[in-house]
Amino acid sequence: MSQHHQILIVGGGNAGISVAAQLLRKKDNLDIAIIEPSDKHYYQPAWTLVGAGEFEINKTVREQQSCMPTGATWIKDAVSSFQPDDNQLTTAKGTVISYDVLIVCPGLQVDWDKIEGLRDTLGKNNVSCNYSFQHAPYTWEMIKNFKGGKAVFTNPVSPIKCGGAPHKIMYLATHYWTKMGIPYEVHYLSGAGAIFAVKEYAETLNKVVKKRHIHTHFGVNVVSIDGDAKKVFYEEKNQNGELEIKAMDFDFCHAVPSMSAPDIIKHSELKDSNNPYGYVEIDKHTMQHIRFPNVFSLGDCTNAPCSKTGAAIRKQAPVVVANVLSFMDNSPLAARYEGYSACPIPTQYGKLMLAEFDYTNTPKMSFPFDQTKPKKSMWVLKKYGLPWLYWNKILRGTA
């Protein structure tokens, strides 16, 4: 069983849907198919607000069919293997699908088992994670029922989607507990080397950390959680540069495991063999594959050295659209992506700092005010403006 499509898109999330919609707005006669196994489509950026009790979880999910662009074919299946030398792939159902152009954007996979014991204790024992639709509401239950004690927030060593999420919830939780007069001792166990990569925004966050008396532990790797014993274990280098396993008790734990490219990419020729997380190997400006010119990629699965956010996808999508059409016309690829990303970081309930930056970690502010200062207006944008923009404009290819 086989079929062929002019443009084949792997992944029906933000990237795949928005690229398909934009392509069809440029040329409505294109033969585009989207491979996506899920019945549901999620707006994941709101899950931090869900975990903080500020957003209804069921408002972050819609039927996948309602998000599919008119004119695109939905192949409800998953990819089992890529054969880029033959311009084809094979699905889990055994269908071989060939293509003229392939666009790869299945997102990331959350490697829950990279933290031993996490999968078994999630949603109980005061352990949660906002990267899970199922468990984000439990984070709010934990926050509002916290009676005081030691709270631990973790951030992995790997790049992750929405890199600010592990500490966004920490700022909201500590603000809530402060308002409620609940005593806390907070520890942030992070695989990163600093609170944020862009110094202008990091200065603001470091002030919040200091004001809330948050204990930061950078360059550590959380390896396991014992939910019953209320202990988290992490690796940290000693003075001799040797890794040691340390333990920390907790009364509250928001844990975030490592993430990586989906296994189907890791085990394919599309991957960057020098990247430990198996990301798709592309030119970071044109979004074209380095070795397979009729393959393009965008979103969280690429090796582009940018933050993995919806804002990055919004800037990558028109570049991919323009360059795919140029490739099909045998024209030079003129569109370029410069690494733009944005991270809306709530520092307290009702105020948010919108961090925008590029490949060089240079701030790229869109508004006529200092975006290193948390604003009420940016909170409103995050809570109301961006979800509306996503469902009504981005997925329809008009933003």
Protein backbone atom coordinates (compact mmCIF):
# COMPACT_ATOMS: atom_id res chain seq x y z
CA MET A 1 0.00 0.00 0.00
CA SER A 2 1.51 3.35 -1.01
CA GLN A 3 0.56 6.91 -1.84
CA HIS A 4 2.21 10.15 -2.91
CA HIS A 5 1.84 13.78 -1.91
CA GLN A 6 3.44 16.92 -3.25
CA ILE A 7 4.17 18.20 0.26
CA LEU A 8 4.15 15.81 3.21
CA ILE A 9 4.15 17.26 6.74
CA VAL A 10 5.04 15.12 9.75
CA GLY A 11 3.33 16.52 12.84
CA GLY A 12 -0.02 18.21 13.36
CA GLY A 13 0.94 20.57 16.15
CA ASN A 14 1.56 24.31 16.01
CA ALA A 15 4.32 24.03 13.40
CA GLY A 16 2.68 21.56 11.04
CA ILE A 17 -0.75 23.16 11.06
CA SER A 18 0.47 26.74 10.67
CA VAL A 19 2.88 25.87 7.84
CA ALA A 20 0.19 23.94 5.98
CA ALA A 21 -2.30 26.79 6.40
CA GLN A 22 0.20 29.39 5.19
CA LEU A 23 1.21 27.28 2.19
CA LEU A 24 -2.40 26.83 1.15
CA ARG A 25 -3.01 30.57 1.47
CA LYS A 26 -0.11 31.13 -0.93
CA LYS A 27 -1.17 28.39 -3.38
CA ASP A 28 -4.53 26.74 -2.78
CA ASN A 29 -3.93 24.02 -5.36
CA LEU A 30 -1.02 22.42 -3.48
CA ASP A 31 -1.34 18.74 -2.58
CA ILE A 32 -0.51 18.76 1.15
CA ALA A 33 -0.90 15.91 3.62
CA ILE A 34 -0.31 16.04 7.38
CA ILE A 35 0.60 12.89 9.30
CA GLU A 36 -0.68 13.16 12.89
CA PRO A 37 -1.92 10.29 15.07
CA SER A 38 -3.61 12.28 17.84
CA ASP A 39 -7.33 13.05 18.03
CA LYS A 40 -6.63 16.07 20.23
CA HIS A 41 -4.75 19.33 19.71
CA TYR A 42 -3.27 21.09 22.74
CA TYR A 43 -2.33 24.68 23.52
CA GLN A 44 0.54 23.81 25.83
CA PRO A 45 1.78 27.35 26.69
CA ALA A 46 -1.24 27.78 29.01
CA TRP A 47 -0.33 24.79 31.18
CA THR A 48 1.82 26.94 33.48
CA LEU A 49 -1.24 29.08 34.18
CA VAL A 50 -3.27 25.90 34.70
CA GLY A 51 -0.72 24.82 37.30
CA ALA A 52 -1.10 28.21 38.97
CA GLY A 53 -4.90 28.03 39.12
CA GLU A 54 -5.32 30.78 36.51
CA PHE A 55 -6.52 28.81 33.47
CA GLU A 56 -9.01 26.01 32.86
CA ILE A 57 -7.29 22.89 31.55
CA ASN A 58 -10.15 21.97 29.22
CA LYS A 59 -9.75 25.29 27.42
CA THR A 60 -6.30 24.13 26.26
CA VAL A 61 -7.57 21.23 24.14
CA ARG A 62 -9.66 20.95 20.98
CA GLU A 63 -10.50 18.26 18.49
CA GLN A 64 -7.66 17.82 16.02
CA GLN A 65 -10.07 17.76 13.11
CA SER A 66 -11.23 21.29 13.93
CA CYS A 67 -7.64 22.55 13.64
CA MET A 68 -6.79 20.98 10.28
CA PRO A 69 -6.51 23.50 7.41
CA THR A 70 -9.13 23.27 4.70
CA GLY A 71 -7.50 21.72 1.66
CA ALA A 72 -4.99 19.57 3.55
CA THR A 73 -5.31 15.79 3.83
CA TRP A 74 -5.12 14.42 7.36
CA ILE A 75 -3.39 11.05 7.55
CA LYS A 76 -4.31 9.76 11.02
CA ASP A 77 -1.23 7.64 11.54
CA ALA A 78 2.29 7.86 12.97
CA VAL A 79 5.64 7.61 11.20
CA SER A 80 7.62 4.45 11.90
CA SER A 81 10.63 5.19 9.67
CA PHE A 82 12.06 7.68 7.17
CA GLN A 83 13.72 6.77 3.86
CA PRO A 84 14.95 10.18 2.67
CA ASP A 85 17.21 8.72 -0.04
CA ASP A 86 14.05 7.36 -1.66
CA ASN A 87 11.90 10.44 -0.89
CA GLN A 88 9.51 8.39 1.19
CA LEU A 89 8.56 7.26 4.68
CA THR A 90 6.67 4.36 6.22
CA THR A 91 3.83 4.73 8.72
CA ALA A 92 2.94 2.60 11.73
CA LYS A 93 0.11 1.08 9.69
CA GLY A 94 2.59 0.01 7.02
CA THR A 95 1.70 2.63 4.41
CA VAL A 96 4.60 3.86 2.28
CA ILE A 97 4.15 7.54 1.43
CA SER A 98 6.39 9.31 -1.06
CA TYR A 99 6.75 13.06 -1.44
CA ASP A 100 8.29 15.86 -3.45
CA VAL A 101 8.97 17.88 -0.30
CA LEU A 102 9.01 16.68 3.30
CA ILE A 103 8.46 19.04 6.26
CA VAL A 104 9.41 17.47 9.60
CA CYS A 105 7.87 18.97 12.75
CA PRO A 106 6.64 16.33 15.22
CA GLY A 107 7.85 18.32 18.24
CA LEU A 108 9.78 16.89 21.18
CA GLN A 109 9.25 13.86 23.35
CA VAL A 110 9.28 14.19 27.12
CA ASP A 111 11.64 11.52 28.47
CA TRP A 112 9.81 10.82 31.73
CA ASP A 113 12.01 7.85 32.57
CA LYS A 114 15.17 9.96 32.59
CA ILE A 115 14.20 10.72 36.20
CA GLU A 116 13.87 7.32 37.82
CA GLY A 117 10.65 6.99 39.77
CA LEU A 118 9.03 10.13 38.36
CA ARG A 119 6.48 8.39 36.18
CA ASP A 120 5.24 6.30 39.13
CA THR A 121 4.86 9.22 41.54
CA LEU A 122 3.43 11.90 39.23
CA GLY A 123 0.08 13.17 40.39
CA LYS A 124 0.54 11.96 43.97
CA ASN A 125 2.95 12.33 46.89
CA ASN A 126 3.00 16.08 46.17
CA VAL A 127 4.91 15.55 42.91
CA SER A 128 3.68 17.13 39.68
CA CYS A 129 4.77 18.46 36.30
CA ASN A 130 3.14 21.15 34.17
CA TYR A 131 4.38 19.50 30.97
CA SER A 132 1.58 16.97 31.35
CA PHE A 133 -2.05 17.73 30.44
CA GLN A 134 -3.08 15.13 32.97
CA HIS A 135 -1.01 16.48 35.86
CA ALA A 136 -0.87 20.29 35.42
CA PRO A 137 -4.11 20.73 37.44
CA TYR A 138 -2.53 18.74 40.29
CA THR A 139 0.21 21.38 40.53
CA TRP A 140 -2.43 23.92 41.55
CA GLU A 141 -3.87 21.50 44.09
CA MET A 142 -0.38 21.20 45.57
CA ILE A 143 0.20 24.96 45.63
CA LYS A 144 -3.07 25.92 47.29
CA ASN A 145 -2.91 23.07 49.82
CA PHE A 146 0.73 23.64 50.77
CA LYS A 147 0.99 24.24 54.52
CA GLY A 148 4.66 25.17 54.57
CA GLY A 149 7.97 23.34 54.33
CA LYS A 150 10.51 22.63 51.61
CA ALA A 151 9.50 23.04 47.95
CA VAL A 152 11.78 21.79 45.17
CA PHE A 153 11.53 22.84 41.51
CA THR A 154 13.71 21.04 38.95
CA ASN A 155 14.99 21.90 35.48
CA PRO A 156 16.87 19.31 33.36
CA VAL A 157 20.23 19.53 31.61
CA SER A 158 18.71 19.09 28.15
CA PRO A 159 17.05 21.79 26.03
CA ILE A 160 13.30 21.69 26.61
CA LYS A 161 10.22 23.22 25.06
CA CYS A 162 9.28 26.48 26.73
CA GLY A 163 12.55 26.63 28.62
CA GLY A 164 11.22 29.09 31.20
CA ALA A 165 8.37 26.85 32.40
CA PRO A 166 10.32 25.09 35.19
CA HIS A 167 10.92 28.39 36.98
CA LYS A 168 7.78 30.27 35.91
CA ILE A 169 5.70 28.09 38.21
CA MET A 170 8.24 28.67 40.99
CA TYR A 171 7.73 32.44 40.86
CA LEU A 172 3.95 32.05 40.91
CA ALA A 173 3.99 29.54 43.76
CA THR A 174 6.28 31.63 45.95
CA HIS A 175 4.19 34.74 45.27
CA TYR A 176 1.02 32.89 46.27
CA TRP A 177 2.58 31.48 49.44
CA THR A 178 3.95 34.90 50.38
CA LYS A 179 0.53 36.49 49.96
CA MET A 180 -1.07 33.74 52.04
CA GLY A 181 1.57 33.99 54.77
CA ILE A 182 2.73 30.41 54.28
CA PRO A 183 6.37 29.78 55.28
CA TYR A 184 8.49 28.07 52.66
CA GLU A 185 12.03 27.03 51.82
CA VAL A 186 12.43 26.83 48.04
CA HIS A 187 15.23 25.12 46.12
CA TYR A 188 15.72 25.32 42.35
CA LEU A 189 17.72 22.36 40.99
CA SER A 190 18.75 23.28 37.44
CA GLY A 191 20.95 21.72 34.80
CA ALA A 192 21.53 25.19 33.34
CA GLY A 193 24.36 27.47 34.34
CA ALA A 194 22.20 30.49 35.13
CA ILE A 195 18.60 31.51 35.77
CA PHE A 196 18.21 32.75 32.16
CA ALA A 197 20.51 32.91 29.14
CA VAL A 198 19.86 36.57 28.22
CA LYS A 199 21.54 38.80 30.79
CA GLU A 200 19.11 41.72 30.51
CA TYR A 201 16.19 39.49 31.51
CA ALA A 202 18.28 37.43 33.93
CA GLU A 203 18.95 40.55 36.00
CA THR A 204 15.23 40.93 36.65
CA LEU A 205 14.79 37.25 37.53
CA ASN A 206 17.80 37.25 39.86
CA LYS A 207 16.15 40.07 41.81
CA VAL A 208 12.99 37.98 42.14
CA VAL A 209 15.06 34.99 43.28
CA LYS A 210 16.80 37.11 45.90
CA LYS A 211 13.61 38.77 47.13
CA ARG A 212 11.81 35.41 47.50
CA HIS A 213 14.88 33.80 49.19
CA ILE A 214 15.05 31.03 46.57
CA HIS A 215 18.08 28.74 46.86
CA THR A 216 19.49 28.08 43.37
CA HIS A 217 21.60 25.04 42.49
CA PHE A 218 22.97 25.34 38.93
CA GLY A 219 24.77 22.68 36.88
CA VAL A 220 23.08 19.76 38.64
CA ASN A 221 21.23 16.83 37.12
CA VAL A 222 18.17 15.33 38.82
CA VAL A 223 18.31 11.56 38.36
CA SER A 224 15.59 10.08 40.56
CA ILE A 225 12.65 10.80 42.84
CA ASP A 226 11.34 8.69 45.70
CA GLY A 227 7.82 9.98 46.12
CA ASP A 228 6.98 7.86 49.16
CA ALA A 229 10.11 8.98 51.02
CA LYS A 230 9.76 12.56 49.71
CA LYS A 231 13.33 12.67 48.42
CA VAL A 232 14.86 13.90 45.17
CA PHE A 233 18.32 12.74 44.10
CA TYR A 234 20.66 14.72 41.87
CA GLU A 235 24.20 14.65 40.49
CA GLU A 236 26.57 17.48 41.31
CA LYS A 237 30.30 17.85 40.74
CA ASN A 238 32.50 18.03 43.81
CA GLN A 239 35.68 20.09 44.20
CA ASN A 240 37.63 17.43 42.30
CA GLY A 241 35.26 17.58 39.34
CA GLU A 242 33.78 14.19 40.15
CA LEU A 243 30.04 13.57 40.08
CA GLU A 244 28.40 12.88 43.41
CA ILE A 245 24.83 11.85 44.10
CA LYS A 246 23.11 14.09 46.64
CA ALA A 247 19.68 13.81 48.20
CA MET A 248 17.19 16.52 49.16
CA ASP A 249 13.99 16.14 51.14
CA PHE A 250 10.84 17.87 49.94
CA ASP A 251 7.25 18.56 50.92
CA PHE A 252 6.40 19.79 47.41
CA CYS A 253 8.11 18.93 44.13
CA HIS A 254 7.56 20.20 40.60
CA ALA A 255 9.85 18.02 38.48
CA VAL A 256 10.75 18.44 34.81
CA PRO A 257 12.57 15.60 33.02
CA SER A 258 14.88 15.81 30.04
CA MET A 259 13.44 16.06 26.54
CA SER A 260 14.74 15.01 23.15
CA ALA A 261 13.75 14.48 19.54
CA PRO A 262 11.18 11.71 18.99
CA ASP A 263 12.74 8.27 18.65
CA ILE A 264 11.69 8.06 15.00
CA ILE A 265 14.03 10.97 14.27
CA LYS A 266 16.83 9.73 16.55
CA HIS A 267 16.86 6.46 14.60
CA SER A 268 16.77 8.07 11.16
CA GLU A 269 19.20 9.60 8.70
CA LEU A 270 17.57 12.97 9.30
CA LYS A 271 19.20 13.40 12.70
CA ASP A 272 22.27 15.47 13.45
CA SER A 273 24.76 12.73 14.40
CA ASN A 274 26.71 15.21 16.53
CA ASN A 275 23.69 16.16 18.62
CA PRO A 276 23.12 14.04 21.75
CA TYR A 277 19.36 14.62 21.64
CA GLY A 278 18.85 13.43 18.06
CA TYR A 279 17.51 16.65 16.55
CA VAL A 280 16.95 17.12 12.81
CA GLU A 281 20.03 18.54 11.10
CA ILE A 282 19.14 21.78 9.34
CA ASP A 283 20.61 25.07 8.21
CA LYS A 284 19.61 27.33 11.09
CA HIS A 285 18.71 30.20 8.76
CA THR A 286 16.93 28.53 5.81
CA MET A 287 15.46 25.60 7.82
CA GLN A 288 16.48 23.27 4.98
CA HIS A 289 18.06 19.92 5.81
CA ILE A 290 21.84 19.93 5.43
CA ARG A 291 22.02 16.66 3.45
CA PHE A 292 18.54 16.23 1.95
CA PRO A 293 17.58 19.41 0.06
CA ASN A 294 13.89 18.49 -0.33
CA VAL A 295 13.52 18.12 3.45
CA PHE A 296 12.74 21.08 5.71
CA SER A 297 12.14 21.16 9.43
CA LEU A 298 10.96 23.58 12.10
CA GLY A 299 9.79 23.69 15.67
CA ASP A 300 11.12 21.86 18.69
CA CYS A 301 12.66 18.91 16.83
CA THR A 302 15.43 20.83 15.01
CA ASN A 303 19.06 21.38 15.98
CA ALA A 304 18.70 25.15 15.45
CA PRO A 305 20.30 26.76 18.55
CA CYS A 306 17.21 28.76 19.51
CA SER A 307 14.74 28.45 22.35
CA LYS A 308 12.03 25.90 21.65
CA THR A 309 8.88 28.01 21.88
CA GLY A 310 5.67 28.74 20.01
CA ALA A 311 7.02 32.23 19.34
CA ALA A 312 10.02 30.70 17.55
CA ILE A 313 7.68 28.59 15.41
CA ARG A 314 5.69 31.70 14.50
CA LYS A 315 8.85 33.22 12.98
CA GLN A 316 10.13 29.97 11.48
CA ALA A 317 6.89 29.05 9.70
CA PRO A 318 6.89 31.84 7.08
CA VAL A 319 10.58 31.15 6.39
CA VAL A 320 9.84 27.48 5.74
CA VAL A 321 6.83 28.39 3.58
CA ALA A 322 8.82 30.84 1.46
CA ASN A 323 11.80 28.52 1.07
CA VAL A 324 9.70 25.43 0.27
CA LEU A 325 7.96 27.36 -2.52
CA SER A 326 11.32 28.66 -3.78
CA PHE A 327 12.73 25.14 -3.74
CA MET A 328 9.77 23.85 -5.75
CA ASP A 329 10.33 26.66 -8.28
CA ASN A 330 14.08 25.91 -8.47
CA SER A 331 14.79 29.38 -7.07
CA PRO A 332 17.36 30.41 -4.43
CA LEU A 333 16.23 30.16 -0.81
CA ALA A 334 16.06 33.81 0.19
CA ALA A 335 14.04 33.71 3.45
CA ARG A 336 16.04 33.62 6.67
CA TYR A 337 15.30 32.89 10.30
CA GLU A 338 17.53 34.75 12.77
CA GLY A 339 16.71 32.74 15.87
CA TYR A 340 13.90 34.89 17.27
CA SER A 341 12.14 33.47 20.28
CA ALA A 342 10.02 34.78 23.11
CA CYS A 343 9.43 33.59 26.64
CA PRO A 344 6.57 35.15 28.64
CA ILE A 345 7.73 34.84 32.27
CA PRO A 346 5.22 35.62 35.03
CA THR A 347 7.15 36.86 38.05
CA GLN A 348 4.00 37.08 40.18
CA TYR A 349 0.24 36.82 39.78
CA GLY A 350 -0.84 39.70 37.54
CA LYS A 351 2.60 40.68 36.22
CA LEU A 352 4.75 39.23 33.48
CA MET A 353 8.05 39.89 31.74
CA LEU A 354 8.01 39.22 27.99
CA ALA A 355 11.55 38.15 27.09
CA GLU A 356 12.26 38.36 23.34
CA PHE A 357 15.68 37.59 21.84
CA ASP A 358 17.55 36.02 18.91
CA TYR A 359 20.38 33.55 18.19
CA THR A 360 22.91 35.92 19.73
CA ASN A 361 20.84 36.29 22.94
CA THR A 362 20.31 39.93 22.03
CA PRO A 363 16.97 41.35 23.25
CA LYS A 364 14.51 41.97 20.40
CA MET A 365 11.71 43.92 22.05
CA SER A 366 8.44 44.36 20.15
CA PHE A 367 6.81 46.92 22.43
CA PRO A 368 7.74 50.60 23.02
CA PHE A 369 8.70 50.07 26.67
CA ASP A 370 11.36 48.27 28.71
CA GLN A 371 10.36 44.61 28.53
CA THR A 372 12.81 43.64 31.26
CA LYS A 373 10.25 45.10 33.68
CA PRO A 374 7.25 42.88 34.49
CA LYS A 375 3.99 44.49 33.35
CA LYS A 376 0.29 43.95 34.00
CA SER A 377 -0.36 44.38 30.28
CA MET A 378 1.94 41.45 29.46
CA TRP A 379 0.06 39.25 31.93
CA VAL A 380 -3.16 40.08 30.07
CA LEU A 381 -1.41 39.28 26.78
CA LYS A 382 -0.29 35.89 28.10
CA LYS A 383 -3.59 34.91 29.68
CA TYR A 384 -6.03 36.22 27.09
CA GLY A 385 -4.29 37.56 23.97
CA LEU A 386 -1.95 34.72 23.06
CA PRO A 387 -4.50 31.87 23.40
CA TRP A 388 -6.92 33.80 21.19
CA LEU A 389 -4.15 34.50 18.67
CA TYR A 390 -3.19 30.83 18.60
CA TRP A 391 -6.63 29.34 17.98
CA ASN A 392 -7.93 32.08 15.67
CA LYS A 393 -4.90 33.33 13.72
CA ILE A 394 -1.78 31.18 13.98
CA LEU A 395 -3.47 27.86 13.20
CA ARG A 396 -5.30 29.51 10.32
CA GLY A 397 -2.08 30.81 8.80
CA THR A 398 -2.90 34.49 9.24
CA ALA A 399 -0.44 35.43 12.02
